[in-house]
Amino acid sequence: MSREYPEHPRVGVGAVVLHEGRVLLVRRGRPPGIGKWSLPGGLVRLGETTRAAIVREVAEECGLAVRVVGLAGMVERVVEDDAGRVRYHYVLVDYLVRPETVDAVAGSDADEVRWVEVGCVGELDVTEGLVDMIRRAQSLEGGEIA
C-alpha cells in the first residue's frame, strides 16, 4: 500500500528515546523527510495499539528494546504537492520511552542511527517540530505516566 496520496490519514508513532542527556535519532532513508534526522517510529498496524507499535518500531528501526514512559504529544503532518493535492497525511503519536539496551543499529528504514546530546539536536537537519517534541518529552521525566 502506497503512503503517497492516501485516501485516509495514516496513524504513526514516534519515540523520544532519552538516556543520560542524549536522544536517539535516525536519519530518514525514505520520504517524506528523506535525509533529515527524526525520531524512530513508523506506522501503526491494524489491530495494534500505539504503545505496542512504538516498541515494535524502535526494535525494527534501531535494534533496541524500550519501555514506554508516557505520551509526549501528538502532531499532524499534511504535505501537499504543487497542485495542492494531499501527498502525505499522518497523525503522529509520540511517546517518551526508556531504552533497556543502548547499542543502536540502523534498520531498513533508517540510513543512520545516532545518540545525540539533547543540546546539540538543533545543529542537525531535523524534521519540523522535533526539538519541541523532545522538550515535551523531557517535561515528563519527573514522573512516569501510565
N, C-alpha and C. Protein backbone atom coordinates (compact mmCIF):
# COMPACT_ATOMS: atom_id res chain seq x y z
N MET A 1 0.84 -1.17 0.00
CA MET A 1 0.00 0.00 0.00
C MET A 1 0.90 1.25 0.00
N SER A 2 0.67 2.12 -0.94
CA SER A 2 1.48 3.33 -1.06
C SER A 2 1.12 4.33 0.04
N ARG A 3 2.14 5.00 0.57
CA ARG A 3 1.92 6.02 1.57
C ARG A 3 1.62 7.37 0.92
N GLU A 4 1.91 7.48 -0.36
CA GLU A 4 1.64 8.73 -1.07
C GLU A 4 0.19 8.76 -1.54
N TYR A 5 -0.39 9.95 -1.50
CA TYR A 5 -1.76 10.21 -1.94
C TYR A 5 -2.76 9.25 -1.30
N PRO A 6 -2.80 9.21 0.01
CA PRO A 6 -3.69 8.28 0.71
C PRO A 6 -5.16 8.70 0.64
N GLU A 7 -6.03 7.73 0.80
CA GLU A 7 -7.46 8.02 0.88
C GLU A 7 -7.85 8.50 2.27
N HIS A 8 -7.07 8.12 3.28
CA HIS A 8 -7.33 8.46 4.67
C HIS A 8 -6.01 8.80 5.34
N PRO A 9 -6.06 9.59 6.43
CA PRO A 9 -4.83 9.83 7.19
C PRO A 9 -4.26 8.52 7.71
N ARG A 10 -2.96 8.47 7.83
CA ARG A 10 -2.29 7.30 8.39
C ARG A 10 -1.86 7.63 9.82
N VAL A 11 -1.96 6.64 10.71
CA VAL A 11 -1.57 6.82 12.10
C VAL A 11 -0.16 6.28 12.28
N GLY A 12 0.71 7.13 12.83
CA GLY A 12 2.08 6.73 13.07
C GLY A 12 2.48 7.01 14.50
N VAL A 13 3.61 6.46 14.90
CA VAL A 13 4.15 6.66 16.24
C VAL A 13 5.61 7.08 16.14
N GLY A 14 6.05 7.83 17.15
CA GLY A 14 7.44 8.23 17.24
C GLY A 14 7.92 8.04 18.66
N ALA A 15 9.20 7.74 18.82
CA ALA A 15 9.77 7.51 20.15
C ALA A 15 10.81 8.56 20.47
N VAL A 16 10.60 9.28 21.58
CA VAL A 16 11.64 10.14 22.12
C VAL A 16 12.39 9.27 23.12
N VAL A 17 13.49 8.70 22.67
CA VAL A 17 14.29 7.78 23.50
C VAL A 17 15.37 8.61 24.18
N LEU A 18 15.24 8.82 25.48
CA LEU A 18 16.20 9.63 26.23
C LEU A 18 17.03 8.74 27.14
N HIS A 19 18.36 9.03 27.17
CA HIS A 19 19.28 8.26 28.00
C HIS A 19 20.51 9.11 28.29
N GLU A 20 20.72 9.42 29.56
CA GLU A 20 21.91 10.14 30.01
C GLU A 20 22.18 11.43 29.23
N GLY A 21 21.13 12.24 29.07
CA GLY A 21 21.28 13.53 28.41
C GLY A 21 21.34 13.48 26.89
N ARG A 22 21.11 12.30 26.35
CA ARG A 22 21.14 12.13 24.90
C ARG A 22 19.77 11.65 24.41
N VAL A 23 19.51 11.88 23.14
CA VAL A 23 18.29 11.40 22.49
C VAL A 23 18.69 10.57 21.28
N LEU A 24 17.95 9.53 21.02
CA LEU A 24 18.23 8.65 19.88
C LEU A 24 17.53 9.21 18.64
N LEU A 25 18.30 9.48 17.59
CA LEU A 25 17.75 9.99 16.34
C LEU A 25 18.11 9.07 15.18
N VAL A 26 17.26 9.08 14.16
CA VAL A 26 17.51 8.32 12.94
C VAL A 26 17.52 9.28 11.76
N ARG A 27 18.40 9.01 10.82
CA ARG A 27 18.39 9.78 9.57
C ARG A 27 17.50 9.02 8.61
N ARG A 28 16.42 9.69 8.19
CA ARG A 28 15.38 9.04 7.40
C ARG A 28 15.92 8.56 6.05
N GLY A 29 15.59 7.31 5.74
CA GLY A 29 16.01 6.71 4.48
C GLY A 29 14.92 6.70 3.43
N ARG A 30 13.72 7.19 3.81
CA ARG A 30 12.58 7.19 2.89
C ARG A 30 11.82 8.51 3.01
N PRO A 31 11.08 8.89 1.95
CA PRO A 31 10.25 10.09 2.05
C PRO A 31 9.06 9.83 2.98
N PRO A 32 8.44 10.82 3.51
CA PRO A 32 8.84 12.23 3.44
C PRO A 32 10.01 12.50 4.38
N GLY A 33 10.72 13.55 4.13
CA GLY A 33 11.82 13.94 5.01
C GLY A 33 13.08 13.13 4.82
N ILE A 34 13.25 12.52 3.65
CA ILE A 34 14.43 11.70 3.42
C ILE A 34 15.69 12.52 3.68
N GLY A 35 16.65 11.94 4.41
CA GLY A 35 17.90 12.59 4.73
C GLY A 35 17.87 13.43 6.00
N LYS A 36 16.69 13.73 6.51
CA LYS A 36 16.58 14.52 7.74
C LYS A 36 16.65 13.61 8.96
N TRP A 37 17.08 14.20 10.08
CA TRP A 37 17.13 13.48 11.35
C TRP A 37 15.76 13.58 12.01
N SER A 38 15.31 12.48 12.57
CA SER A 38 13.98 12.41 13.17
C SER A 38 13.95 11.40 14.30
N LEU A 39 12.78 11.25 14.88
CA LEU A 39 12.57 10.23 15.90
C LEU A 39 12.38 8.88 15.25
N PRO A 40 12.83 7.81 15.88
CA PRO A 40 12.49 6.48 15.37
C PRO A 40 10.98 6.28 15.48
N GLY A 41 10.42 5.57 14.52
CA GLY A 41 8.99 5.30 14.56
C GLY A 41 8.48 4.81 13.23
N GLY A 42 7.17 4.74 13.12
CA GLY A 42 6.57 4.26 11.89
C GLY A 42 5.07 4.13 12.03
N LEU A 43 4.47 3.41 11.11
CA LEU A 43 3.01 3.28 11.08
C LEU A 43 2.50 2.21 12.04
N VAL A 44 1.31 2.48 12.56
CA VAL A 44 0.61 1.51 13.41
C VAL A 44 -0.09 0.50 12.50
N ARG A 45 0.05 -0.77 12.85
CA ARG A 45 -0.62 -1.83 12.09
C ARG A 45 -2.05 -2.01 12.58
N LEU A 46 -2.91 -2.49 11.71
CA LEU A 46 -4.30 -2.76 12.07
C LEU A 46 -4.36 -3.71 13.26
N GLY A 47 -5.09 -3.34 14.30
CA GLY A 47 -5.23 -4.16 15.50
C GLY A 47 -4.14 -3.96 16.52
N GLU A 48 -3.16 -3.11 16.24
CA GLU A 48 -2.03 -2.87 17.13
C GLU A 48 -2.26 -1.56 17.89
N THR A 49 -1.97 -1.55 19.17
CA THR A 49 -2.06 -0.30 19.92
C THR A 49 -0.87 0.58 19.58
N THR A 50 -0.99 1.89 19.84
CA THR A 50 0.13 2.78 19.57
C THR A 50 1.33 2.45 20.45
N ARG A 51 1.06 2.02 21.70
CA ARG A 51 2.16 1.64 22.59
C ARG A 51 2.90 0.40 22.07
N ALA A 52 2.16 -0.59 21.62
CA ALA A 52 2.79 -1.78 21.05
C ALA A 52 3.54 -1.43 19.78
N ALA A 53 2.98 -0.52 18.99
CA ALA A 53 3.62 -0.12 17.73
C ALA A 53 4.95 0.56 17.99
N ILE A 54 5.04 1.41 19.01
CA ILE A 54 6.30 2.12 19.24
C ILE A 54 7.39 1.16 19.72
N VAL A 55 7.02 0.20 20.54
CA VAL A 55 8.00 -0.80 20.99
C VAL A 55 8.51 -1.60 19.79
N ARG A 56 7.60 -2.01 18.91
CA ARG A 56 7.98 -2.77 17.72
C ARG A 56 8.84 -1.92 16.78
N GLU A 57 8.42 -0.70 16.53
CA GLU A 57 9.14 0.16 15.59
C GLU A 57 10.57 0.46 16.04
N VAL A 58 10.75 0.75 17.32
CA VAL A 58 12.11 1.03 17.81
C VAL A 58 12.98 -0.22 17.68
N ALA A 59 12.41 -1.37 17.94
CA ALA A 59 13.16 -2.62 17.79
C ALA A 59 13.56 -2.83 16.32
N GLU A 60 12.61 -2.61 15.40
CA GLU A 60 12.89 -2.82 13.98
C GLU A 60 13.85 -1.79 13.41
N GLU A 61 13.66 -0.53 13.80
CA GLU A 61 14.43 0.56 13.20
C GLU A 61 15.79 0.77 13.84
N CYS A 62 15.90 0.43 15.15
CA CYS A 62 17.14 0.74 15.88
C CYS A 62 17.73 -0.45 16.62
N GLY A 63 17.02 -1.57 16.67
CA GLY A 63 17.54 -2.74 17.36
C GLY A 63 17.51 -2.63 18.88
N LEU A 64 16.68 -1.74 19.42
CA LEU A 64 16.62 -1.54 20.87
C LEU A 64 15.31 -2.03 21.46
N ALA A 65 15.42 -2.58 22.67
CA ALA A 65 14.24 -2.86 23.48
C ALA A 65 13.98 -1.60 24.30
N VAL A 66 12.70 -1.19 24.39
CA VAL A 66 12.36 0.02 25.13
C VAL A 66 11.15 -0.22 26.03
N ARG A 67 11.01 0.68 27.01
CA ARG A 67 9.87 0.69 27.93
C ARG A 67 9.18 2.03 27.77
N VAL A 68 7.86 2.03 27.50
CA VAL A 68 7.09 3.25 27.33
C VAL A 68 6.89 3.92 28.68
N VAL A 69 7.22 5.22 28.75
CA VAL A 69 7.04 6.01 29.96
C VAL A 69 5.72 6.77 29.91
N GLY A 70 5.47 7.49 28.83
CA GLY A 70 4.23 8.25 28.72
C GLY A 70 4.11 8.97 27.40
N LEU A 71 2.96 9.55 27.19
CA LEU A 71 2.65 10.28 25.98
C LEU A 71 3.34 11.64 26.00
N ALA A 72 4.16 11.91 24.98
CA ALA A 72 4.85 13.20 24.88
C ALA A 72 4.02 14.21 24.10
N GLY A 73 3.28 13.76 23.10
CA GLY A 73 2.46 14.67 22.32
C GLY A 73 1.96 14.03 21.04
N MET A 74 1.17 14.82 20.32
CA MET A 74 0.59 14.37 19.06
C MET A 74 0.73 15.50 18.06
N VAL A 75 1.10 15.17 16.84
CA VAL A 75 1.20 16.16 15.77
C VAL A 75 0.58 15.60 14.49
N GLU A 76 0.17 16.51 13.63
CA GLU A 76 -0.31 16.12 12.31
C GLU A 76 0.65 16.64 11.26
N ARG A 77 0.91 15.84 10.26
CA ARG A 77 1.74 16.25 9.14
C ARG A 77 0.92 16.08 7.86
N VAL A 78 0.63 17.18 7.22
CA VAL A 78 -0.07 17.17 5.94
C VAL A 78 0.85 17.83 4.93
N VAL A 79 1.24 17.10 3.91
CA VAL A 79 2.14 17.60 2.88
C VAL A 79 1.39 17.56 1.55
N GLU A 80 1.29 18.75 0.94
CA GLU A 80 0.62 18.84 -0.35
C GLU A 80 1.64 18.90 -1.47
N ASP A 81 1.22 18.46 -2.66
CA ASP A 81 2.08 18.58 -3.83
C ASP A 81 1.88 19.95 -4.46
N ASP A 82 2.55 20.22 -5.58
CA ASP A 82 2.47 21.54 -6.23
C ASP A 82 1.06 21.88 -6.72
N ALA A 83 0.24 20.86 -6.95
CA ALA A 83 -1.13 21.08 -7.41
C ALA A 83 -2.11 21.23 -6.25
N GLY A 84 -1.60 21.14 -5.01
CA GLY A 84 -2.48 21.29 -3.85
C GLY A 84 -3.15 20.00 -3.39
N ARG A 85 -2.78 18.88 -4.01
CA ARG A 85 -3.33 17.58 -3.57
C ARG A 85 -2.54 17.09 -2.37
N VAL A 86 -3.21 16.35 -1.48
CA VAL A 86 -2.54 15.82 -0.29
C VAL A 86 -1.67 14.64 -0.70
N ARG A 87 -0.37 14.85 -0.58
CA ARG A 87 0.59 13.80 -0.92
C ARG A 87 0.81 12.86 0.26
N TYR A 88 0.89 13.44 1.48
CA TYR A 88 1.04 12.67 2.71
C TYR A 88 0.14 13.27 3.77
N HIS A 89 -0.45 12.43 4.60
CA HIS A 89 -1.21 12.89 5.77
C HIS A 89 -1.02 11.88 6.89
N TYR A 90 -0.29 12.33 7.92
CA TYR A 90 0.00 11.48 9.07
C TYR A 90 -0.53 12.12 10.34
N VAL A 91 -1.09 11.33 11.21
CA VAL A 91 -1.37 11.70 12.58
C VAL A 91 -0.35 10.92 13.41
N LEU A 92 0.55 11.65 14.09
CA LEU A 92 1.68 11.02 14.77
C LEU A 92 1.55 11.14 16.27
N VAL A 93 1.64 10.01 16.95
CA VAL A 93 1.57 9.94 18.41
C VAL A 93 2.98 9.64 18.91
N ASP A 94 3.54 10.60 19.66
CA ASP A 94 4.92 10.47 20.12
C ASP A 94 4.98 10.16 21.61
N TYR A 95 5.81 9.19 21.96
CA TYR A 95 5.96 8.73 23.34
C TYR A 95 7.37 8.96 23.85
N LEU A 96 7.48 9.27 25.14
CA LEU A 96 8.76 9.20 25.83
C LEU A 96 8.97 7.74 26.18
N VAL A 97 10.13 7.21 25.80
CA VAL A 97 10.46 5.82 26.13
C VAL A 97 11.87 5.78 26.72
N ARG A 98 12.13 4.73 27.47
CA ARG A 98 13.45 4.49 28.05
C ARG A 98 14.03 3.24 27.41
N PRO A 99 15.30 3.30 27.06
CA PRO A 99 15.92 2.12 26.45
C PRO A 99 16.28 1.09 27.52
N GLU A 100 16.07 -0.16 27.19
CA GLU A 100 16.52 -1.26 28.06
C GLU A 100 17.89 -1.74 27.59
N THR A 101 18.23 -1.38 26.35
CA THR A 101 19.55 -1.61 25.78
C THR A 101 19.95 -0.32 25.08
N VAL A 102 21.25 -0.08 24.84
CA VAL A 102 21.66 1.19 24.24
C VAL A 102 22.51 1.05 22.98
N ASP A 103 22.79 -0.16 22.55
CA ASP A 103 23.60 -0.36 21.35
C ASP A 103 22.69 -0.35 20.13
N ALA A 104 22.49 0.83 19.57
CA ALA A 104 21.56 1.01 18.45
C ALA A 104 22.23 0.68 17.12
N VAL A 105 21.46 0.06 16.23
CA VAL A 105 21.90 -0.30 14.89
C VAL A 105 20.78 0.09 13.92
N ALA A 106 21.11 0.77 12.83
CA ALA A 106 20.10 1.21 11.87
C ALA A 106 19.45 0.01 11.18
N GLY A 107 18.12 0.03 11.15
CA GLY A 107 17.36 -0.98 10.42
C GLY A 107 17.09 -0.53 9.00
N SER A 108 16.15 -1.18 8.34
CA SER A 108 15.91 -0.94 6.91
C SER A 108 15.36 0.44 6.59
N ASP A 109 14.61 1.07 7.50
CA ASP A 109 14.01 2.37 7.22
C ASP A 109 14.95 3.54 7.48
N ALA A 110 16.05 3.31 8.16
CA ALA A 110 16.95 4.39 8.56
C ALA A 110 18.30 4.26 7.86
N ASP A 111 18.81 5.39 7.39
CA ASP A 111 20.16 5.39 6.82
C ASP A 111 21.21 5.34 7.91
N GLU A 112 20.89 5.93 9.06
CA GLU A 112 21.84 6.02 10.17
C GLU A 112 21.05 6.21 11.45
N VAL A 113 21.61 5.74 12.55
CA VAL A 113 21.03 5.96 13.87
C VAL A 113 22.14 6.48 14.77
N ARG A 114 21.80 7.44 15.64
CA ARG A 114 22.85 8.08 16.44
C ARG A 114 22.27 8.62 17.75
N TRP A 115 23.03 8.46 18.83
CA TRP A 115 22.72 9.11 20.10
C TRP A 115 23.29 10.53 20.01
N VAL A 116 22.47 11.53 20.27
CA VAL A 116 22.86 12.93 20.14
C VAL A 116 22.60 13.65 21.46
N GLU A 117 23.57 14.46 21.91
CA GLU A 117 23.35 15.29 23.09
C GLU A 117 22.13 16.16 22.81
N VAL A 118 21.19 16.22 23.77
CA VAL A 118 19.95 16.95 23.56
C VAL A 118 20.22 18.39 23.15
N GLY A 119 21.20 19.03 23.76
CA GLY A 119 21.51 20.41 23.43
C GLY A 119 22.09 20.63 22.04
N CYS A 120 22.47 19.57 21.36
CA CYS A 120 23.08 19.67 20.03
C CYS A 120 22.12 19.31 18.90
N VAL A 121 20.91 18.91 19.23
CA VAL A 121 19.95 18.47 18.21
C VAL A 121 19.69 19.56 17.18
N GLY A 122 19.59 20.81 17.62
CA GLY A 122 19.30 21.92 16.72
C GLY A 122 20.38 22.17 15.69
N GLU A 123 21.56 21.58 15.86
CA GLU A 123 22.65 21.74 14.89
C GLU A 123 22.50 20.81 13.69
N LEU A 124 21.59 19.85 13.79
CA LEU A 124 21.36 18.88 12.71
C LEU A 124 20.20 19.33 11.82
N ASP A 125 20.12 18.77 10.64
CA ASP A 125 18.99 18.99 9.74
C ASP A 125 17.87 18.05 10.19
N VAL A 126 16.94 18.59 10.98
CA VAL A 126 15.91 17.76 11.62
C VAL A 126 14.53 18.03 11.02
N THR A 127 13.62 17.10 11.25
CA THR A 127 12.24 17.26 10.81
C THR A 127 11.55 18.35 11.64
N GLU A 128 10.54 18.94 11.04
CA GLU A 128 9.79 20.02 11.69
C GLU A 128 9.20 19.57 13.03
N GLY A 129 9.39 20.39 14.06
CA GLY A 129 8.80 20.13 15.37
C GLY A 129 9.58 19.18 16.25
N LEU A 130 10.71 18.67 15.77
CA LEU A 130 11.45 17.67 16.53
C LEU A 130 11.96 18.22 17.86
N VAL A 131 12.57 19.40 17.84
CA VAL A 131 13.13 19.97 19.07
C VAL A 131 12.03 20.20 20.10
N ASP A 132 10.88 20.70 19.66
CA ASP A 132 9.76 20.93 20.58
C ASP A 132 9.27 19.62 21.20
N MET A 133 9.20 18.55 20.41
CA MET A 133 8.72 17.27 20.94
C MET A 133 9.71 16.71 21.96
N ILE A 134 10.99 16.89 21.73
CA ILE A 134 11.99 16.44 22.71
C ILE A 134 11.80 17.20 24.01
N ARG A 135 11.55 18.51 23.93
CA ARG A 135 11.29 19.30 25.14
C ARG A 135 10.05 18.80 25.88
N ARG A 136 9.01 18.49 25.13
CA ARG A 136 7.79 17.95 25.75
C ARG A 136 8.09 16.66 26.50
N ALA A 137 8.86 15.80 25.86
CA ALA A 137 9.20 14.51 26.49
C ALA A 137 10.04 14.74 27.74
N GLN A 138 10.97 15.68 27.69
CA GLN A 138 11.80 15.97 28.86
C GLN A 138 10.96 16.43 30.04
N SER A 139 9.85 17.09 29.77
CA SER A 139 8.99 17.57 30.87
C SER A 139 8.31 16.40 31.59
N LEU A 140 8.26 15.24 30.98
CA LEU A 140 7.68 14.05 31.59
C LEU A 140 8.66 13.31 32.49
N GLU A 141 9.93 13.66 32.40
CA GLU A 141 10.97 12.89 33.08
C GLU A 141 10.80 12.82 34.59
N GLY A 142 10.14 13.79 35.18
CA GLY A 142 9.98 13.80 36.64
C GLY A 142 9.15 12.65 37.16
N GLY A 143 8.22 12.18 36.38
CA GLY A 143 7.37 11.08 36.85
C GLY A 143 6.82 10.31 35.68
N GLU A 144 6.64 9.03 35.87
CA GLU A 144 6.13 8.20 34.79
C GLU A 144 4.62 8.36 34.68
N ILE A 145 4.12 8.32 33.47
CA ILE A 145 2.71 8.49 33.20
C ILE A 145 2.19 7.19 32.60
N ALA A 146 1.07 6.73 33.10
CA ALA A 146 0.52 5.45 32.64
C ALA A 146 0.07 5.47 31.21
